[in-house]
Amino acid sequence: MCGIWALFGSDECLSVQCTSAMRIAHRGPDAFRFENVNGFTNCCFGFHRLAIVDQLYGMQPLRIKKFPFLWLCYNGEIYNHRTLSKEFDFDHQTKVDGEILLHLYDRFGIQKMASLLDGVFAFILLDTANRKVFLGRDTYGVRPLFKFLTDDGFLAVCSEAKGLTDITRATASPANIVALLPGHFEAFDLKQSGKVQSCETVKGNIRALFENSVRKRLMAQRRIGCLLSGGLDSSLVAATLVKLAKEEKLQYPIQTFSIGSEDSPDVLAARKVAAHIGSEHHEVNFTAEEGIQVVEEVIYHLETYDITTVRASVGMYLISKYIKEKSESVVIFSGEGSDELTQGYLYFHKAPTPKAAAEDSVRLLKELYLFDVLRADRTTAAHGLELRVPFLDHRLTAYYLSLPEEMRTPKHGVEKHLLRDSFKDLNLIPDEILWRRKEAFSDGMMSVKKSWYVCLQEHLESMVNDDQMEKASKTFPHNPPATKEAYYFRQVFEKHYPGQAEWLSHYWMPRWTNASDPSARTLAIYEPDKEQ
């Protein structure tokens, strides 16, 4: 155990500020060091030592002759430091376990360095040659680390929050002291003034994890294709897939597939994306009449009667049929899971608090097997296709859900703002698609002038009579249907799976709104694009 403390860009005399470092003296009763950073007179480290390893060279900040530009303050133990040193043939100057961080960082960079460590630790690593500051913490946060960062770039870091509460700042705004999240590292650019600027580590991590998720799913000996609705999620998947397919030198172009009526917003948007990314694009024309004809087949394959699931599955069933009959693609990528993970549904704009939104995001992910991934699996499997969903990679979901609740909420009237912002200025997909408002798959297949669900409801109006509706709660006491559309879906389900209604625990419905229908187009917050 030790106490670490550092300032970058202090506006106050360091000799005054260092008194704050003494508030964590209990963490290291054996020795104390306070050291300015050469060339950066307003940057410094403070270290309280509890001597456990290497009594002679264990003081910090740790610096060695081989890397005079690296400064390390860390608290913890690296249990695999000898194994790593032997594996990579590092020449150590001290017996301190933390020295391994300097060698790993120099050889591999911060991300791989952090991933190779086995131990409990919190660290502050300064690279004066490249003007970078890195903060990091072990997987479960066994070793603590707190920070605050002012608007003008003054960064203060300490093992305990109490070492930051009395730091003097030029700005009058209160210090927002926060814990560095376990299992994370953060990177900052160091200016000559000693102030720092965030390197947008979170957004970079999201991009890297998403790209790795797509890359690992390229494992296939059959042709790979991608569903492309023209929405944010499928567009990111398709664009990344095309990019990686070129890097991996796949021997064929990636085929993308969209479905909708000629004037549907999805078809028009997908066409723009396909042209931008250079995929071999296929469009499947959808009419309400074709959709109505396959509703019973779809319910049979789905094994559910959930309203929005059935509606959305019709288009996906028909496009999967086309892929099977008209193309060579068998492994199909899709964008399922993003709305649940990144708070993409429009009703998230109505969430009362970031905490409530975060909790509902987790709930939706836990219930995916009842709704969206059930739809995606059954409609593709019905035609002998294999579905792959990069947004549901466990590393990506774990990281995204670990981010602060406030960071994940809709911003400036835009849902999934963090995800969109993470891919900004990359030209991966067109900007108009990157910032396109959420449109449910079953809604976007047809023009706003007349949605698919409206056509379906009108057709089913004559299929169920008023007397049946009056007795609906007695006929179907579990999840009683409230509309003729829902009643018809239930009838078909009972025909194929009598007495199995409890397979569905509840209908999917938006929260924090008085909606009586799951379609996003029925919500007051829904605003279609003008051309739709």
Protein backbone atom coordinates (compact mmCIF):
# COMPACT_ATOMS: atom_id res chain seq x y z
CA MET A 1 0.00 0.00 0.00
CA CYS A 2 1.14 3.54 -0.87
CA GLY A 3 -0.34 6.97 -1.39
CA ILE A 4 0.03 8.66 -4.77
CA TRP A 5 -0.77 12.28 -5.63
CA ALA A 6 -0.06 14.47 -8.66
CA LEU A 7 -0.92 17.85 -10.14
CA PHE A 8 -0.75 18.91 -13.79
CA GLY A 9 -1.21 22.60 -14.58
CA SER A 10 -1.48 24.05 -11.09
CA ASP A 11 -2.14 27.81 -10.98
CA GLU A 12 -1.03 28.02 -7.34
CA CYS A 13 2.46 27.73 -5.89
CA LEU A 14 3.30 24.01 -5.61
CA SER A 15 4.76 24.42 -2.14
CA VAL A 16 1.31 25.54 -1.01
CA GLN A 17 -0.53 22.79 -2.88
CA CYS A 18 1.66 20.01 -1.50
CA THR A 19 0.10 20.37 1.95
CA SER A 20 -2.93 18.59 0.48
CA ALA A 21 -0.74 15.58 -0.26
CA MET A 22 -0.09 15.22 3.47
CA ARG A 23 -3.73 14.30 4.01
CA ILE A 24 -2.98 10.78 2.73
CA ALA A 25 0.26 10.34 4.74
CA HIS A 26 -1.31 7.36 6.55
CA ARG A 27 -1.05 5.32 3.34
CA GLY A 28 2.76 5.43 3.41
CA PRO A 29 4.32 5.98 6.84
CA ASP A 30 7.88 4.93 5.86
CA ALA A 31 8.87 7.80 3.55
CA PHE A 32 7.59 10.81 1.59
CA ARG A 33 8.79 12.46 -1.61
CA PHE A 34 7.56 15.56 -3.39
CA GLU A 35 9.06 16.13 -6.86
CA ASN A 36 8.59 18.72 -9.58
CA VAL A 37 8.54 17.64 -13.22
CA ASN A 38 11.51 18.93 -15.23
CA GLY A 39 10.42 21.45 -17.84
CA PHE A 40 6.92 21.72 -16.43
CA THR A 41 7.22 23.91 -13.35
CA ASN A 42 3.54 23.67 -12.46
CA CYS A 43 3.44 19.85 -12.51
CA CYS A 44 4.48 17.64 -9.61
CA PHE A 45 4.19 14.26 -7.92
CA GLY A 46 3.72 13.39 -4.27
CA PHE A 47 4.36 9.91 -2.86
CA HIS A 48 3.89 8.31 0.55
CA ARG A 49 5.66 4.98 0.79
CA LEU A 50 4.98 1.83 2.72
CA ALA A 51 8.18 -0.11 1.94
CA ILE A 52 7.36 -3.70 0.91
CA VAL A 53 9.61 -4.40 -2.09
CA ASP A 54 13.14 -3.09 -2.94
CA GLN A 55 14.00 -0.94 0.05
CA LEU A 56 16.74 0.90 -1.89
CA TYR A 57 15.09 1.79 -5.20
CA GLY A 58 11.42 1.69 -4.30
CA MET A 59 10.83 5.43 -3.94
CA GLN A 60 8.60 7.15 -6.45
CA PRO A 61 8.00 8.70 -8.87
CA LEU A 62 9.86 5.77 -10.38
CA ARG A 63 12.29 6.68 -13.15
CA ILE A 64 15.02 4.59 -14.77
CA LYS A 65 17.99 5.48 -16.98
CA LYS A 66 16.62 3.67 -20.02
CA PHE A 67 13.46 5.82 -20.10
CA PRO A 68 14.35 9.22 -18.60
CA PHE A 69 11.20 10.71 -20.12
CA LEU A 70 8.84 8.40 -18.16
CA TRP A 71 7.60 9.18 -14.64
CA LEU A 72 5.55 6.60 -12.75
CA CYS A 73 3.63 6.81 -9.49
CA TYR A 74 1.69 3.67 -8.69
CA ASN A 75 0.05 1.97 -5.75
CA GLY A 76 -0.38 -1.79 -5.74
CA GLU A 77 1.25 -5.05 -6.69
CA ILE A 78 1.90 -6.52 -10.14
CA TYR A 79 1.89 -10.26 -9.53
CA ASN A 80 3.07 -11.31 -12.99
CA HIS A 81 5.95 -8.83 -13.32
CA ARG A 82 8.62 -11.54 -13.33
CA THR A 83 6.72 -13.64 -15.88
CA LEU A 84 6.31 -10.66 -18.21
CA SER A 85 9.93 -9.61 -17.81
CA LYS A 86 11.12 -13.08 -18.74
CA GLU A 87 8.64 -13.44 -21.63
CA PHE A 88 9.68 -10.16 -23.26
CA ASP A 89 13.34 -10.21 -22.16
CA PHE A 90 13.26 -6.87 -20.35
CA ASP A 91 16.40 -5.57 -18.67
CA HIS A 92 15.33 -4.26 -15.25
CA GLN A 93 17.17 -1.59 -13.32
CA THR A 94 15.37 -2.19 -9.99
CA LYS A 95 13.56 -5.01 -8.21
CA VAL A 96 10.37 -2.96 -8.01
CA ASP A 97 7.40 -4.81 -9.50
CA GLY A 98 6.00 -1.58 -10.96
CA GLU A 99 9.02 -1.09 -13.21
CA ILE A 100 7.36 -3.55 -15.58
CA LEU A 101 4.84 -0.81 -16.48
CA LEU A 102 7.62 1.35 -17.94
CA HIS A 103 8.97 -1.46 -20.11
CA LEU A 104 5.52 -2.58 -21.29
CA TYR A 105 4.47 0.96 -22.09
CA ASP A 106 7.63 1.66 -24.09
CA ARG A 107 7.32 -1.62 -26.02
CA PHE A 108 3.56 -1.86 -26.59
CA GLY A 109 1.79 1.37 -25.67
CA ILE A 110 -0.72 2.06 -22.93
CA GLN A 111 -3.61 -0.16 -24.04
CA LYS A 112 -1.66 -3.41 -24.31
CA MET A 113 0.37 -2.50 -21.23
CA ALA A 114 -2.81 -2.25 -19.16
CA SER A 115 -4.26 -5.47 -20.61
CA LEU A 116 -1.14 -7.51 -19.71
CA LEU A 117 -1.07 -6.58 -16.03
CA ASP A 118 -2.17 -9.12 -13.44
CA GLY A 119 -2.49 -7.47 -10.07
CA VAL A 120 -4.16 -4.74 -8.08
CA PHE A 121 -3.01 -1.25 -8.93
CA ALA A 122 -3.67 2.41 -9.56
CA PHE A 123 -1.13 4.39 -11.57
CA ILE A 124 -0.20 7.82 -12.86
CA LEU A 125 2.17 7.58 -15.82
CA LEU A 126 3.73 10.68 -17.39
CA ASP A 127 5.45 10.55 -20.79
CA THR A 128 7.23 13.92 -21.25
CA ALA A 129 8.65 12.92 -24.64
CA ASN A 130 5.19 12.47 -26.15
CA ARG A 131 3.49 14.83 -23.70
CA LYS A 132 0.97 12.31 -22.43
CA VAL A 133 -0.50 11.62 -19.00
CA PHE A 134 -2.16 8.27 -18.29
CA LEU A 135 -4.28 7.21 -15.31
CA GLY A 136 -5.25 3.58 -14.76
CA ARG A 137 -6.91 1.27 -12.28
CA ASP A 138 -7.22 -2.50 -11.80
CA THR A 139 -10.24 -4.51 -12.90
CA TYR A 140 -12.26 -4.26 -9.69
CA GLY A 141 -10.80 -1.08 -8.27
CA VAL A 142 -9.03 -2.75 -5.35
CA ARG A 143 -6.62 0.18 -5.32
CA PRO A 144 -8.33 3.60 -5.27
CA LEU A 145 -7.75 6.61 -7.50
CA PHE A 146 -9.61 9.93 -7.62
CA LYS A 147 -9.27 12.93 -9.90
CA PHE A 148 -10.69 16.27 -10.80
CA LEU A 149 -10.29 18.14 -14.07
CA THR A 150 -11.18 21.80 -14.42
CA ASP A 151 -12.55 23.38 -17.59
CA ASP A 152 -9.19 25.04 -18.26
CA GLY A 153 -7.24 21.76 -18.04
CA PHE A 154 -5.94 21.60 -14.47
CA LEU A 155 -5.78 17.90 -13.51
CA ALA A 156 -5.31 16.71 -9.92
CA VAL A 157 -5.05 13.04 -8.96
CA CYS A 158 -4.89 11.27 -5.59
CA SER A 159 -5.30 7.85 -3.97
CA GLU A 160 -8.04 9.26 -1.73
CA ALA A 161 -10.52 12.05 -2.36
CA LYS A 162 -9.47 13.89 0.78
CA GLY A 163 -6.16 14.77 -0.87
CA LEU A 164 -8.04 16.82 -3.48
CA THR A 165 -10.72 18.65 -1.53
CA ASP A 166 -8.49 21.60 -0.52
CA ILE A 167 -6.57 22.01 -3.78
CA THR A 168 -6.50 25.68 -4.82
CA ARG A 169 -7.82 26.43 -8.31
CA ALA A 170 -7.93 29.57 -10.43
CA THR A 171 -11.52 28.90 -11.46
CA ALA A 172 -14.29 29.57 -8.98
CA SER A 173 -16.37 26.54 -9.94
CA PRO A 174 -16.42 23.72 -7.36
CA ALA A 175 -14.15 20.73 -7.91
CA ASN A 176 -16.01 17.74 -9.29
CA ILE A 177 -13.99 14.97 -7.66
CA VAL A 178 -14.71 11.58 -9.22
CA ALA A 179 -13.30 8.09 -8.91
CA LEU A 180 -11.47 6.67 -11.89
CA LEU A 181 -13.60 3.74 -13.01
CA PRO A 182 -12.21 0.25 -12.25
CA GLY A 183 -10.83 -1.59 -15.26
CA HIS A 184 -10.22 1.65 -17.15
CA PHE A 185 -7.39 3.88 -18.18
CA GLU A 186 -7.66 7.50 -19.28
CA ALA A 187 -5.27 9.46 -21.48
CA PHE A 188 -4.57 13.17 -21.62
CA ASP A 189 -2.42 15.35 -23.85
CA LEU A 190 0.01 17.47 -21.81
CA LYS A 191 0.42 21.06 -22.99
CA GLN A 192 3.62 23.03 -22.48
CA SER A 193 1.76 25.04 -19.85
CA GLY A 194 1.28 21.85 -17.84
CA LYS A 195 -2.47 21.87 -18.45
CA VAL A 196 -4.02 18.77 -19.97
CA GLN A 197 -6.59 17.96 -22.61
CA SER A 198 -8.58 14.74 -22.76
CA CYS A 199 -7.58 12.33 -25.52
CA GLU A 200 -11.22 11.18 -25.84
CA THR A 201 -10.26 7.80 -24.48
CA VAL A 202 -13.86 6.67 -23.96
CA LYS A 203 -14.85 7.28 -27.57
CA GLY A 204 -11.68 5.63 -28.78
CA ASN A 205 -12.38 2.61 -26.60
CA ILE A 206 -15.92 2.33 -27.98
CA ARG A 207 -14.61 2.42 -31.54
CA ALA A 208 -11.88 -0.12 -30.82
CA LEU A 209 -14.19 -2.53 -29.01
CA PHE A 210 -16.83 -2.28 -31.74
CA GLU A 211 -14.29 -2.86 -34.51
CA ASN A 212 -12.83 -5.84 -32.64
CA SER A 213 -16.35 -7.20 -32.21
CA VAL A 214 -16.95 -7.09 -35.96
CA ARG A 215 -13.49 -8.47 -36.71
CA LYS A 216 -13.85 -11.56 -34.51
CA ARG A 217 -17.16 -12.36 -36.24
CA LEU A 218 -15.51 -12.59 -39.65
CA MET A 219 -14.75 -16.22 -38.82
CA ALA A 220 -16.65 -18.05 -41.59
CA GLN A 221 -16.13 -20.30 -44.57
CA ARG A 222 -19.41 -19.21 -46.16
CA ARG A 223 -20.10 -15.84 -47.76
CA ILE A 224 -20.76 -12.95 -45.39
CA GLY A 225 -23.48 -10.34 -45.93
CA CYS A 226 -25.16 -7.64 -43.88
CA LEU A 227 -28.67 -6.34 -43.30
CA LEU A 228 -28.74 -2.59 -43.93
CA SER A 229 -31.82 -0.62 -42.90
CA GLY A 230 -30.09 2.73 -43.30
CA GLY A 231 -30.33 3.43 -39.58
CA LEU A 232 -27.33 4.19 -37.41
CA ASP A 233 -26.74 0.68 -36.06
CA SER A 234 -26.88 -1.39 -39.23
CA SER A 235 -24.94 1.31 -41.08
CA LEU A 236 -22.08 1.21 -38.56
CA VAL A 237 -22.03 -2.58 -38.76
CA ALA A 238 -22.07 -2.63 -42.57
CA ALA A 239 -19.44 0.10 -42.93
CA THR A 240 -17.09 -1.54 -40.44
CA LEU A 241 -17.67 -4.94 -42.04
CA VAL A 242 -16.77 -3.63 -45.51
CA LYS A 243 -13.67 -1.89 -44.11
CA LEU A 244 -12.42 -4.99 -42.30
CA ALA A 245 -13.26 -7.31 -45.19
CA LYS A 246 -10.85 -5.30 -47.34
CA GLU A 247 -8.17 -5.42 -44.64
CA GLU A 248 -8.62 -9.19 -44.27
CA LYS A 249 -8.59 -9.53 -48.09
CA LEU A 250 -11.86 -11.44 -48.38
CA GLN A 251 -12.20 -12.78 -51.91
CA TYR A 252 -15.63 -11.28 -52.50
CA PRO A 253 -17.46 -7.97 -51.98
CA ILE A 254 -19.76 -7.66 -48.98
CA GLN A 255 -23.41 -7.85 -49.97
CA THR A 256 -25.86 -5.57 -48.15
CA PHE A 257 -29.63 -6.00 -48.12
CA SER A 258 -32.47 -3.58 -47.45
CA ILE A 259 -36.26 -3.92 -47.64
CA GLY A 260 -39.07 -1.42 -47.94
CA SER A 261 -41.55 0.29 -50.21
CA GLU A 262 -40.14 2.50 -52.96
CA ASP A 263 -40.65 5.68 -50.92
CA SER A 264 -39.70 4.26 -47.53
CA PRO A 265 -37.12 6.17 -45.48
CA ASP A 266 -35.16 2.98 -44.83
CA VAL A 267 -34.62 2.13 -48.49
CA LEU A 268 -33.52 5.66 -49.37
CA ALA A 269 -31.13 5.85 -46.42
CA ALA A 270 -29.68 2.38 -47.05
CA ARG A 271 -29.03 3.30 -50.66
CA LYS A 272 -26.94 6.30 -49.53
CA VAL A 273 -24.95 4.19 -47.10
CA ALA A 274 -24.28 1.42 -49.62
CA ALA A 275 -23.00 3.94 -52.15
CA HIS A 276 -20.77 5.51 -49.48
CA ILE A 277 -19.20 2.26 -48.27
CA GLY A 278 -19.07 0.51 -51.66
CA SER A 279 -21.06 -2.63 -50.86
CA GLU A 280 -22.83 -4.84 -53.39
CA HIS A 281 -26.31 -3.63 -52.50
CA HIS A 282 -29.63 -5.43 -52.95
CA GLU A 283 -33.05 -3.83 -52.45
CA VAL A 284 -36.15 -5.89 -51.77
CA ASN A 285 -39.43 -4.16 -52.59
CA PHE A 286 -42.01 -4.48 -49.83
CA THR A 287 -45.75 -4.11 -50.12
CA ALA A 288 -48.30 -4.33 -47.34
CA GLU A 289 -50.09 -7.09 -49.28
CA GLU A 290 -46.97 -9.29 -49.31
CA GLY A 291 -46.45 -8.67 -45.64
CA ILE A 292 -50.00 -9.58 -44.70
CA GLN A 293 -49.72 -12.87 -46.60
CA VAL A 294 -46.82 -14.12 -44.47
CA VAL A 295 -47.98 -13.03 -40.99
CA GLU A 296 -49.11 -16.53 -40.00
CA GLU A 297 -45.86 -18.11 -41.26
CA VAL A 298 -43.90 -15.53 -39.30
CA ILE A 299 -45.76 -16.19 -36.02
CA TYR A 300 -45.18 -19.93 -36.50
CA HIS A 301 -41.42 -19.40 -36.82
CA LEU A 302 -41.25 -16.81 -34.06
CA GLU A 303 -43.10 -18.80 -31.40
CA THR A 304 -44.38 -15.54 -29.93
CA TYR A 305 -47.34 -13.19 -30.25
CA ASP A 306 -45.67 -10.00 -29.06
CA ILE A 307 -47.04 -7.15 -31.15
CA THR A 308 -43.94 -5.20 -32.14
CA THR A 309 -41.93 -8.40 -32.60
CA VAL A 310 -44.42 -9.79 -35.11
CA ARG A 311 -44.62 -6.48 -37.00
CA ALA A 312 -40.85 -6.11 -37.30
CA SER A 313 -40.33 -9.78 -38.12
CA VAL A 314 -42.39 -9.67 -41.32
CA GLY A 315 -39.85 -7.51 -43.15
CA MET A 316 -36.90 -9.43 -41.76
CA TYR A 317 -38.52 -12.74 -42.74
CA LEU A 318 -39.06 -11.57 -46.32
CA ILE A 319 -35.56 -10.17 -46.72
CA SER A 320 -34.08 -13.39 -45.32
CA LYS A 321 -36.13 -15.31 -47.88
CA TYR A 322 -34.67 -13.13 -50.62
CA ILE A 323 -31.11 -13.63 -49.34
CA LYS A 324 -31.58 -17.40 -49.35
CA GLU A 325 -33.06 -17.52 -52.85
CA LYS A 326 -31.22 -14.73 -54.66
CA SER A 327 -27.75 -14.48 -53.13
CA GLU A 328 -24.79 -16.53 -51.94
CA SER A 329 -24.59 -14.91 -48.50
CA VAL A 330 -25.20 -17.23 -45.56
CA VAL A 331 -23.58 -15.49 -42.58
CA ILE A 332 -25.58 -12.33 -41.96
CA PHE A 333 -24.46 -9.39 -39.81
CA SER A 334 -27.09 -7.16 -38.21
CA GLY A 335 -27.42 -4.26 -35.76
CA GLU A 336 -29.55 -5.83 -33.02
CA GLY A 337 -28.75 -4.93 -29.43
CA SER A 338 -27.59 -1.36 -29.98
CA ASP A 339 -30.90 0.27 -29.00
CA GLU A 340 -30.94 -1.60 -25.73
CA LEU A 341 -27.27 -1.01 -24.97
CA THR A 342 -27.00 2.65 -26.01
CA GLN A 343 -30.48 3.87 -24.99
CA GLY A 344 -31.65 4.21 -28.58
CA TYR A 345 -35.42 4.00 -28.15
CA LEU A 346 -37.16 7.36 -28.36
CA TYR A 347 -38.80 6.92 -24.97
CA PHE A 348 -35.37 7.30 -23.32
CA HIS A 349 -35.80 11.04 -23.89
CA LYS A 350 -38.52 10.84 -21.22
CA ALA A 351 -36.42 9.03 -18.61
CA PRO A 352 -36.79 10.82 -15.25
CA THR A 353 -33.13 10.39 -14.29
CA PRO A 354 -29.90 9.02 -15.81
CA LYS A 355 -30.04 6.25 -13.20
CA ALA A 356 -33.54 5.23 -14.31
CA ALA A 357 -32.39 5.20 -17.94
CA ALA A 358 -29.34 3.08 -17.09
CA GLU A 359 -31.48 0.58 -15.18
CA ASP A 360 -33.93 0.29 -18.05
CA SER A 361 -31.08 -0.28 -20.48
CA VAL A 362 -29.99 -3.28 -18.41
CA ARG A 363 -33.59 -4.52 -18.23
CA LEU A 364 -33.91 -4.37 -22.01
CA LEU A 365 -30.68 -6.29 -22.50
CA LYS A 366 -31.87 -9.00 -20.12
CA GLU A 367 -35.15 -9.27 -22.05
CA LEU A 368 -33.62 -9.30 -25.54
CA TYR A 369 -34.20 -13.05 -25.79
CA LEU A 370 -37.95 -12.40 -25.70
CA PHE A 371 -37.98 -9.72 -28.37
CA ASP A 372 -35.33 -8.41 -30.78
CA VAL A 373 -32.83 -11.26 -30.81
CA LEU A 374 -35.71 -13.74 -30.90
CA ARG A 375 -36.96 -11.93 -34.01
CA ALA A 376 -33.52 -11.77 -35.58
CA ASP A 377 -32.70 -15.42 -34.94
CA ARG A 378 -36.03 -16.97 -35.95
CA THR A 379 -36.55 -14.98 -39.15
CA THR A 380 -33.05 -15.72 -40.45
CA ALA A 381 -32.92 -19.31 -39.21
CA ALA A 382 -36.25 -19.98 -40.96
CA HIS A 383 -34.30 -19.63 -44.22
CA GLY A 384 -31.10 -21.40 -43.20
CA LEU A 385 -29.05 -18.28 -42.47
CA GLU A 386 -26.72 -17.58 -39.53
CA LEU A 387 -27.08 -14.25 -37.74
CA ARG A 388 -24.20 -12.32 -36.12
CA VAL A 389 -24.75 -9.31 -33.85
CA PRO A 390 -21.57 -7.28 -33.08
CA PHE A 391 -23.29 -4.83 -30.70
CA LEU A 392 -23.89 -7.69 -28.27
CA ASP A 393 -20.23 -8.57 -27.87
CA HIS A 394 -19.70 -9.10 -24.15
CA ARG A 395 -16.59 -6.90 -23.98
CA LEU A 396 -18.34 -4.02 -25.72
CA THR A 397 -21.48 -4.28 -23.58
CA ALA A 398 -19.51 -4.58 -20.33
CA TYR A 399 -17.47 -1.49 -21.16
CA TYR A 400 -20.42 0.60 -22.31
CA LEU A 401 -22.51 -0.25 -19.24
CA SER A 402 -19.58 0.62 -16.97
CA LEU A 403 -19.52 4.22 -18.19
CA PRO A 404 -21.09 6.95 -16.03
CA GLU A 405 -24.88 6.99 -16.26
CA GLU A 406 -24.95 10.65 -17.32
CA MET A 407 -22.64 9.91 -20.24
CA ARG A 408 -25.02 7.37 -21.78
CA THR A 409 -28.25 9.41 -21.86
CA PRO A 410 -29.67 11.26 -24.90
CA LYS A 411 -28.01 14.65 -25.42
CA HIS A 412 -29.24 17.76 -27.24
CA GLY A 413 -32.42 15.96 -28.24
CA VAL A 414 -30.48 13.09 -29.85
CA GLU A 415 -30.66 9.51 -28.63
CA LYS A 416 -27.51 7.32 -28.70
CA HIS A 417 -25.47 10.52 -28.63
CA LEU A 418 -22.33 8.92 -27.19
CA LEU A 419 -22.29 6.20 -29.84
CA ARG A 420 -22.81 8.72 -32.64
CA ASP A 421 -20.20 11.08 -31.23
CA SER A 422 -17.69 8.22 -31.04
CA PHE A 423 -17.79 7.87 -34.84
CA LYS A 424 -17.93 11.57 -35.66
CA ASP A 425 -15.49 13.03 -38.24
CA LEU A 426 -14.35 9.60 -39.45
CA ASN A 427 -16.34 9.54 -42.72
CA LEU A 428 -17.19 5.90 -41.97
CA ILE A 429 -20.83 6.58 -42.84
CA PRO A 430 -22.49 9.76 -44.17
CA ASP A 431 -23.10 12.43 -41.53
CA GLU A 432 -26.82 12.52 -42.29
CA ILE A 433 -26.99 8.82 -41.40
CA LEU A 434 -24.74 9.17 -38.36
CA TRP A 435 -27.20 11.67 -36.90
CA ARG A 436 -30.40 10.16 -38.36
CA ARG A 437 -33.19 9.86 -35.79
CA LYS A 438 -34.24 6.45 -34.56
CA GLU A 439 -36.77 4.70 -36.83
CA ALA A 440 -38.09 1.27 -35.85
CA PHE A 441 -37.44 -1.39 -38.52
CA SER A 442 -41.15 -2.14 -38.93
CA ASP A 443 -41.92 1.58 -39.22
CA GLY A 444 -39.12 2.59 -41.58
CA MET A 445 -40.09 0.01 -44.22
CA MET A 446 -42.92 2.26 -45.39
CA SER A 447 -43.48 5.99 -45.74
CA VAL A 448 -44.63 8.05 -42.77
CA LYS A 449 -47.75 8.79 -44.81
CA LYS A 450 -48.94 5.27 -44.03
CA SER A 451 -46.96 2.98 -41.74
CA TRP A 452 -46.81 -0.79 -42.11
CA TYR A 453 -48.51 -1.31 -38.77
CA VAL A 454 -51.46 0.87 -39.89
CA CYS A 455 -51.91 -1.22 -43.05
CA LEU A 456 -51.78 -4.37 -40.94
CA GLN A 457 -54.29 -3.06 -38.42
CA GLU A 458 -56.71 -2.02 -41.17
CA HIS A 459 -56.56 -5.48 -42.73
CA LEU A 460 -57.06 -7.27 -39.42
CA GLU A 461 -59.99 -5.06 -38.42
CA SER A 462 -62.37 -7.42 -40.24
CA MET A 463 -60.64 -10.58 -38.98
CA VAL A 464 -61.72 -10.11 -35.36
CA ASN A 465 -65.22 -9.04 -34.32
CA ASP A 466 -66.29 -6.79 -31.45
CA ASP A 467 -67.82 -9.66 -29.51
CA GLN A 468 -64.47 -11.46 -29.48
CA MET A 469 -62.78 -8.32 -28.19
CA GLU A 470 -65.29 -7.96 -25.35
CA LYS A 471 -64.45 -11.48 -24.16
CA ALA A 472 -60.69 -11.16 -24.81
CA SER A 473 -59.66 -11.07 -21.15
CA LYS A 474 -61.63 -14.25 -20.45
CA THR A 475 -60.51 -16.03 -23.60
CA PHE A 476 -56.88 -15.09 -23.03
CA PRO A 477 -56.41 -14.29 -19.32
CA HIS A 478 -52.59 -14.22 -19.63
CA ASN A 479 -51.51 -11.12 -21.56
CA PRO A 480 -55.06 -10.33 -22.78
CA PRO A 481 -54.99 -8.57 -26.19
CA ALA A 482 -56.19 -4.96 -26.17
CA THR A 483 -56.54 -4.54 -29.96
CA LYS A 484 -57.85 -6.60 -32.84
CA GLU A 485 -54.34 -6.82 -34.23
CA ALA A 486 -53.05 -8.29 -30.95
CA TYR A 487 -56.08 -10.62 -30.78
CA TYR A 488 -55.36 -11.99 -34.26
CA PHE A 489 -51.68 -12.56 -33.45
CA ARG A 490 -52.76 -14.46 -30.34
CA GLN A 491 -55.25 -16.58 -32.28
CA VAL A 492 -52.58 -17.66 -34.74
CA PHE A 493 -50.14 -18.38 -31.91
CA GLU A 494 -52.71 -20.52 -30.06
CA LYS A 495 -53.43 -22.40 -33.28
CA HIS A 496 -49.82 -23.53 -33.52
CA TYR A 497 -48.87 -23.57 -29.82
CA PRO A 498 -52.05 -24.10 -27.78
CA GLY A 499 -51.72 -23.42 -24.06
CA GLN A 500 -48.21 -21.96 -24.34
CA ALA A 501 -49.05 -18.28 -23.92
CA GLU A 502 -46.73 -17.99 -20.92
CA TRP A 503 -43.75 -18.30 -23.22
CA LEU A 504 -44.19 -14.52 -23.42
CA SER A 505 -44.16 -12.93 -19.97
CA HIS A 506 -45.28 -9.48 -21.16
CA TYR A 507 -45.65 -7.31 -24.24
CA TRP A 508 -42.85 -4.96 -25.27
CA MET A 509 -43.97 -1.37 -24.64
CA PRO A 510 -42.17 1.98 -24.24
CA ARG A 511 -41.79 3.37 -20.72
CA TRP A 512 -42.37 6.80 -19.14
CA THR A 513 -45.15 7.58 -21.62
CA ASN A 514 -48.87 6.89 -21.95
CA ALA A 515 -48.40 5.05 -25.24
CA SER A 516 -51.00 2.42 -26.08
CA ASP A 517 -48.98 1.09 -29.06
CA PRO A 518 -45.31 0.03 -29.25
CA SER A 519 -44.64 1.90 -32.52
CA ALA A 520 -42.23 4.82 -32.17
CA ARG A 521 -44.38 6.72 -34.66
CA THR A 522 -47.19 6.92 -32.09
CA LEU A 523 -45.01 8.74 -29.53
CA ALA A 524 -45.39 12.49 -29.11
CA ILE A 525 -41.62 12.89 -29.34
CA TYR A 526 -41.48 11.29 -32.81
CA GLU A 527 -40.51 13.78 -35.53
CA PRO A 528 -40.07 12.35 -39.04
CA ASP A 529 -37.55 13.70 -41.50
CA LYS A 530 -39.23 16.17 -43.80
CA GLU A 531 -38.63 14.14 -46.97
CA GLN A 532 -40.40 11.12 -45.51
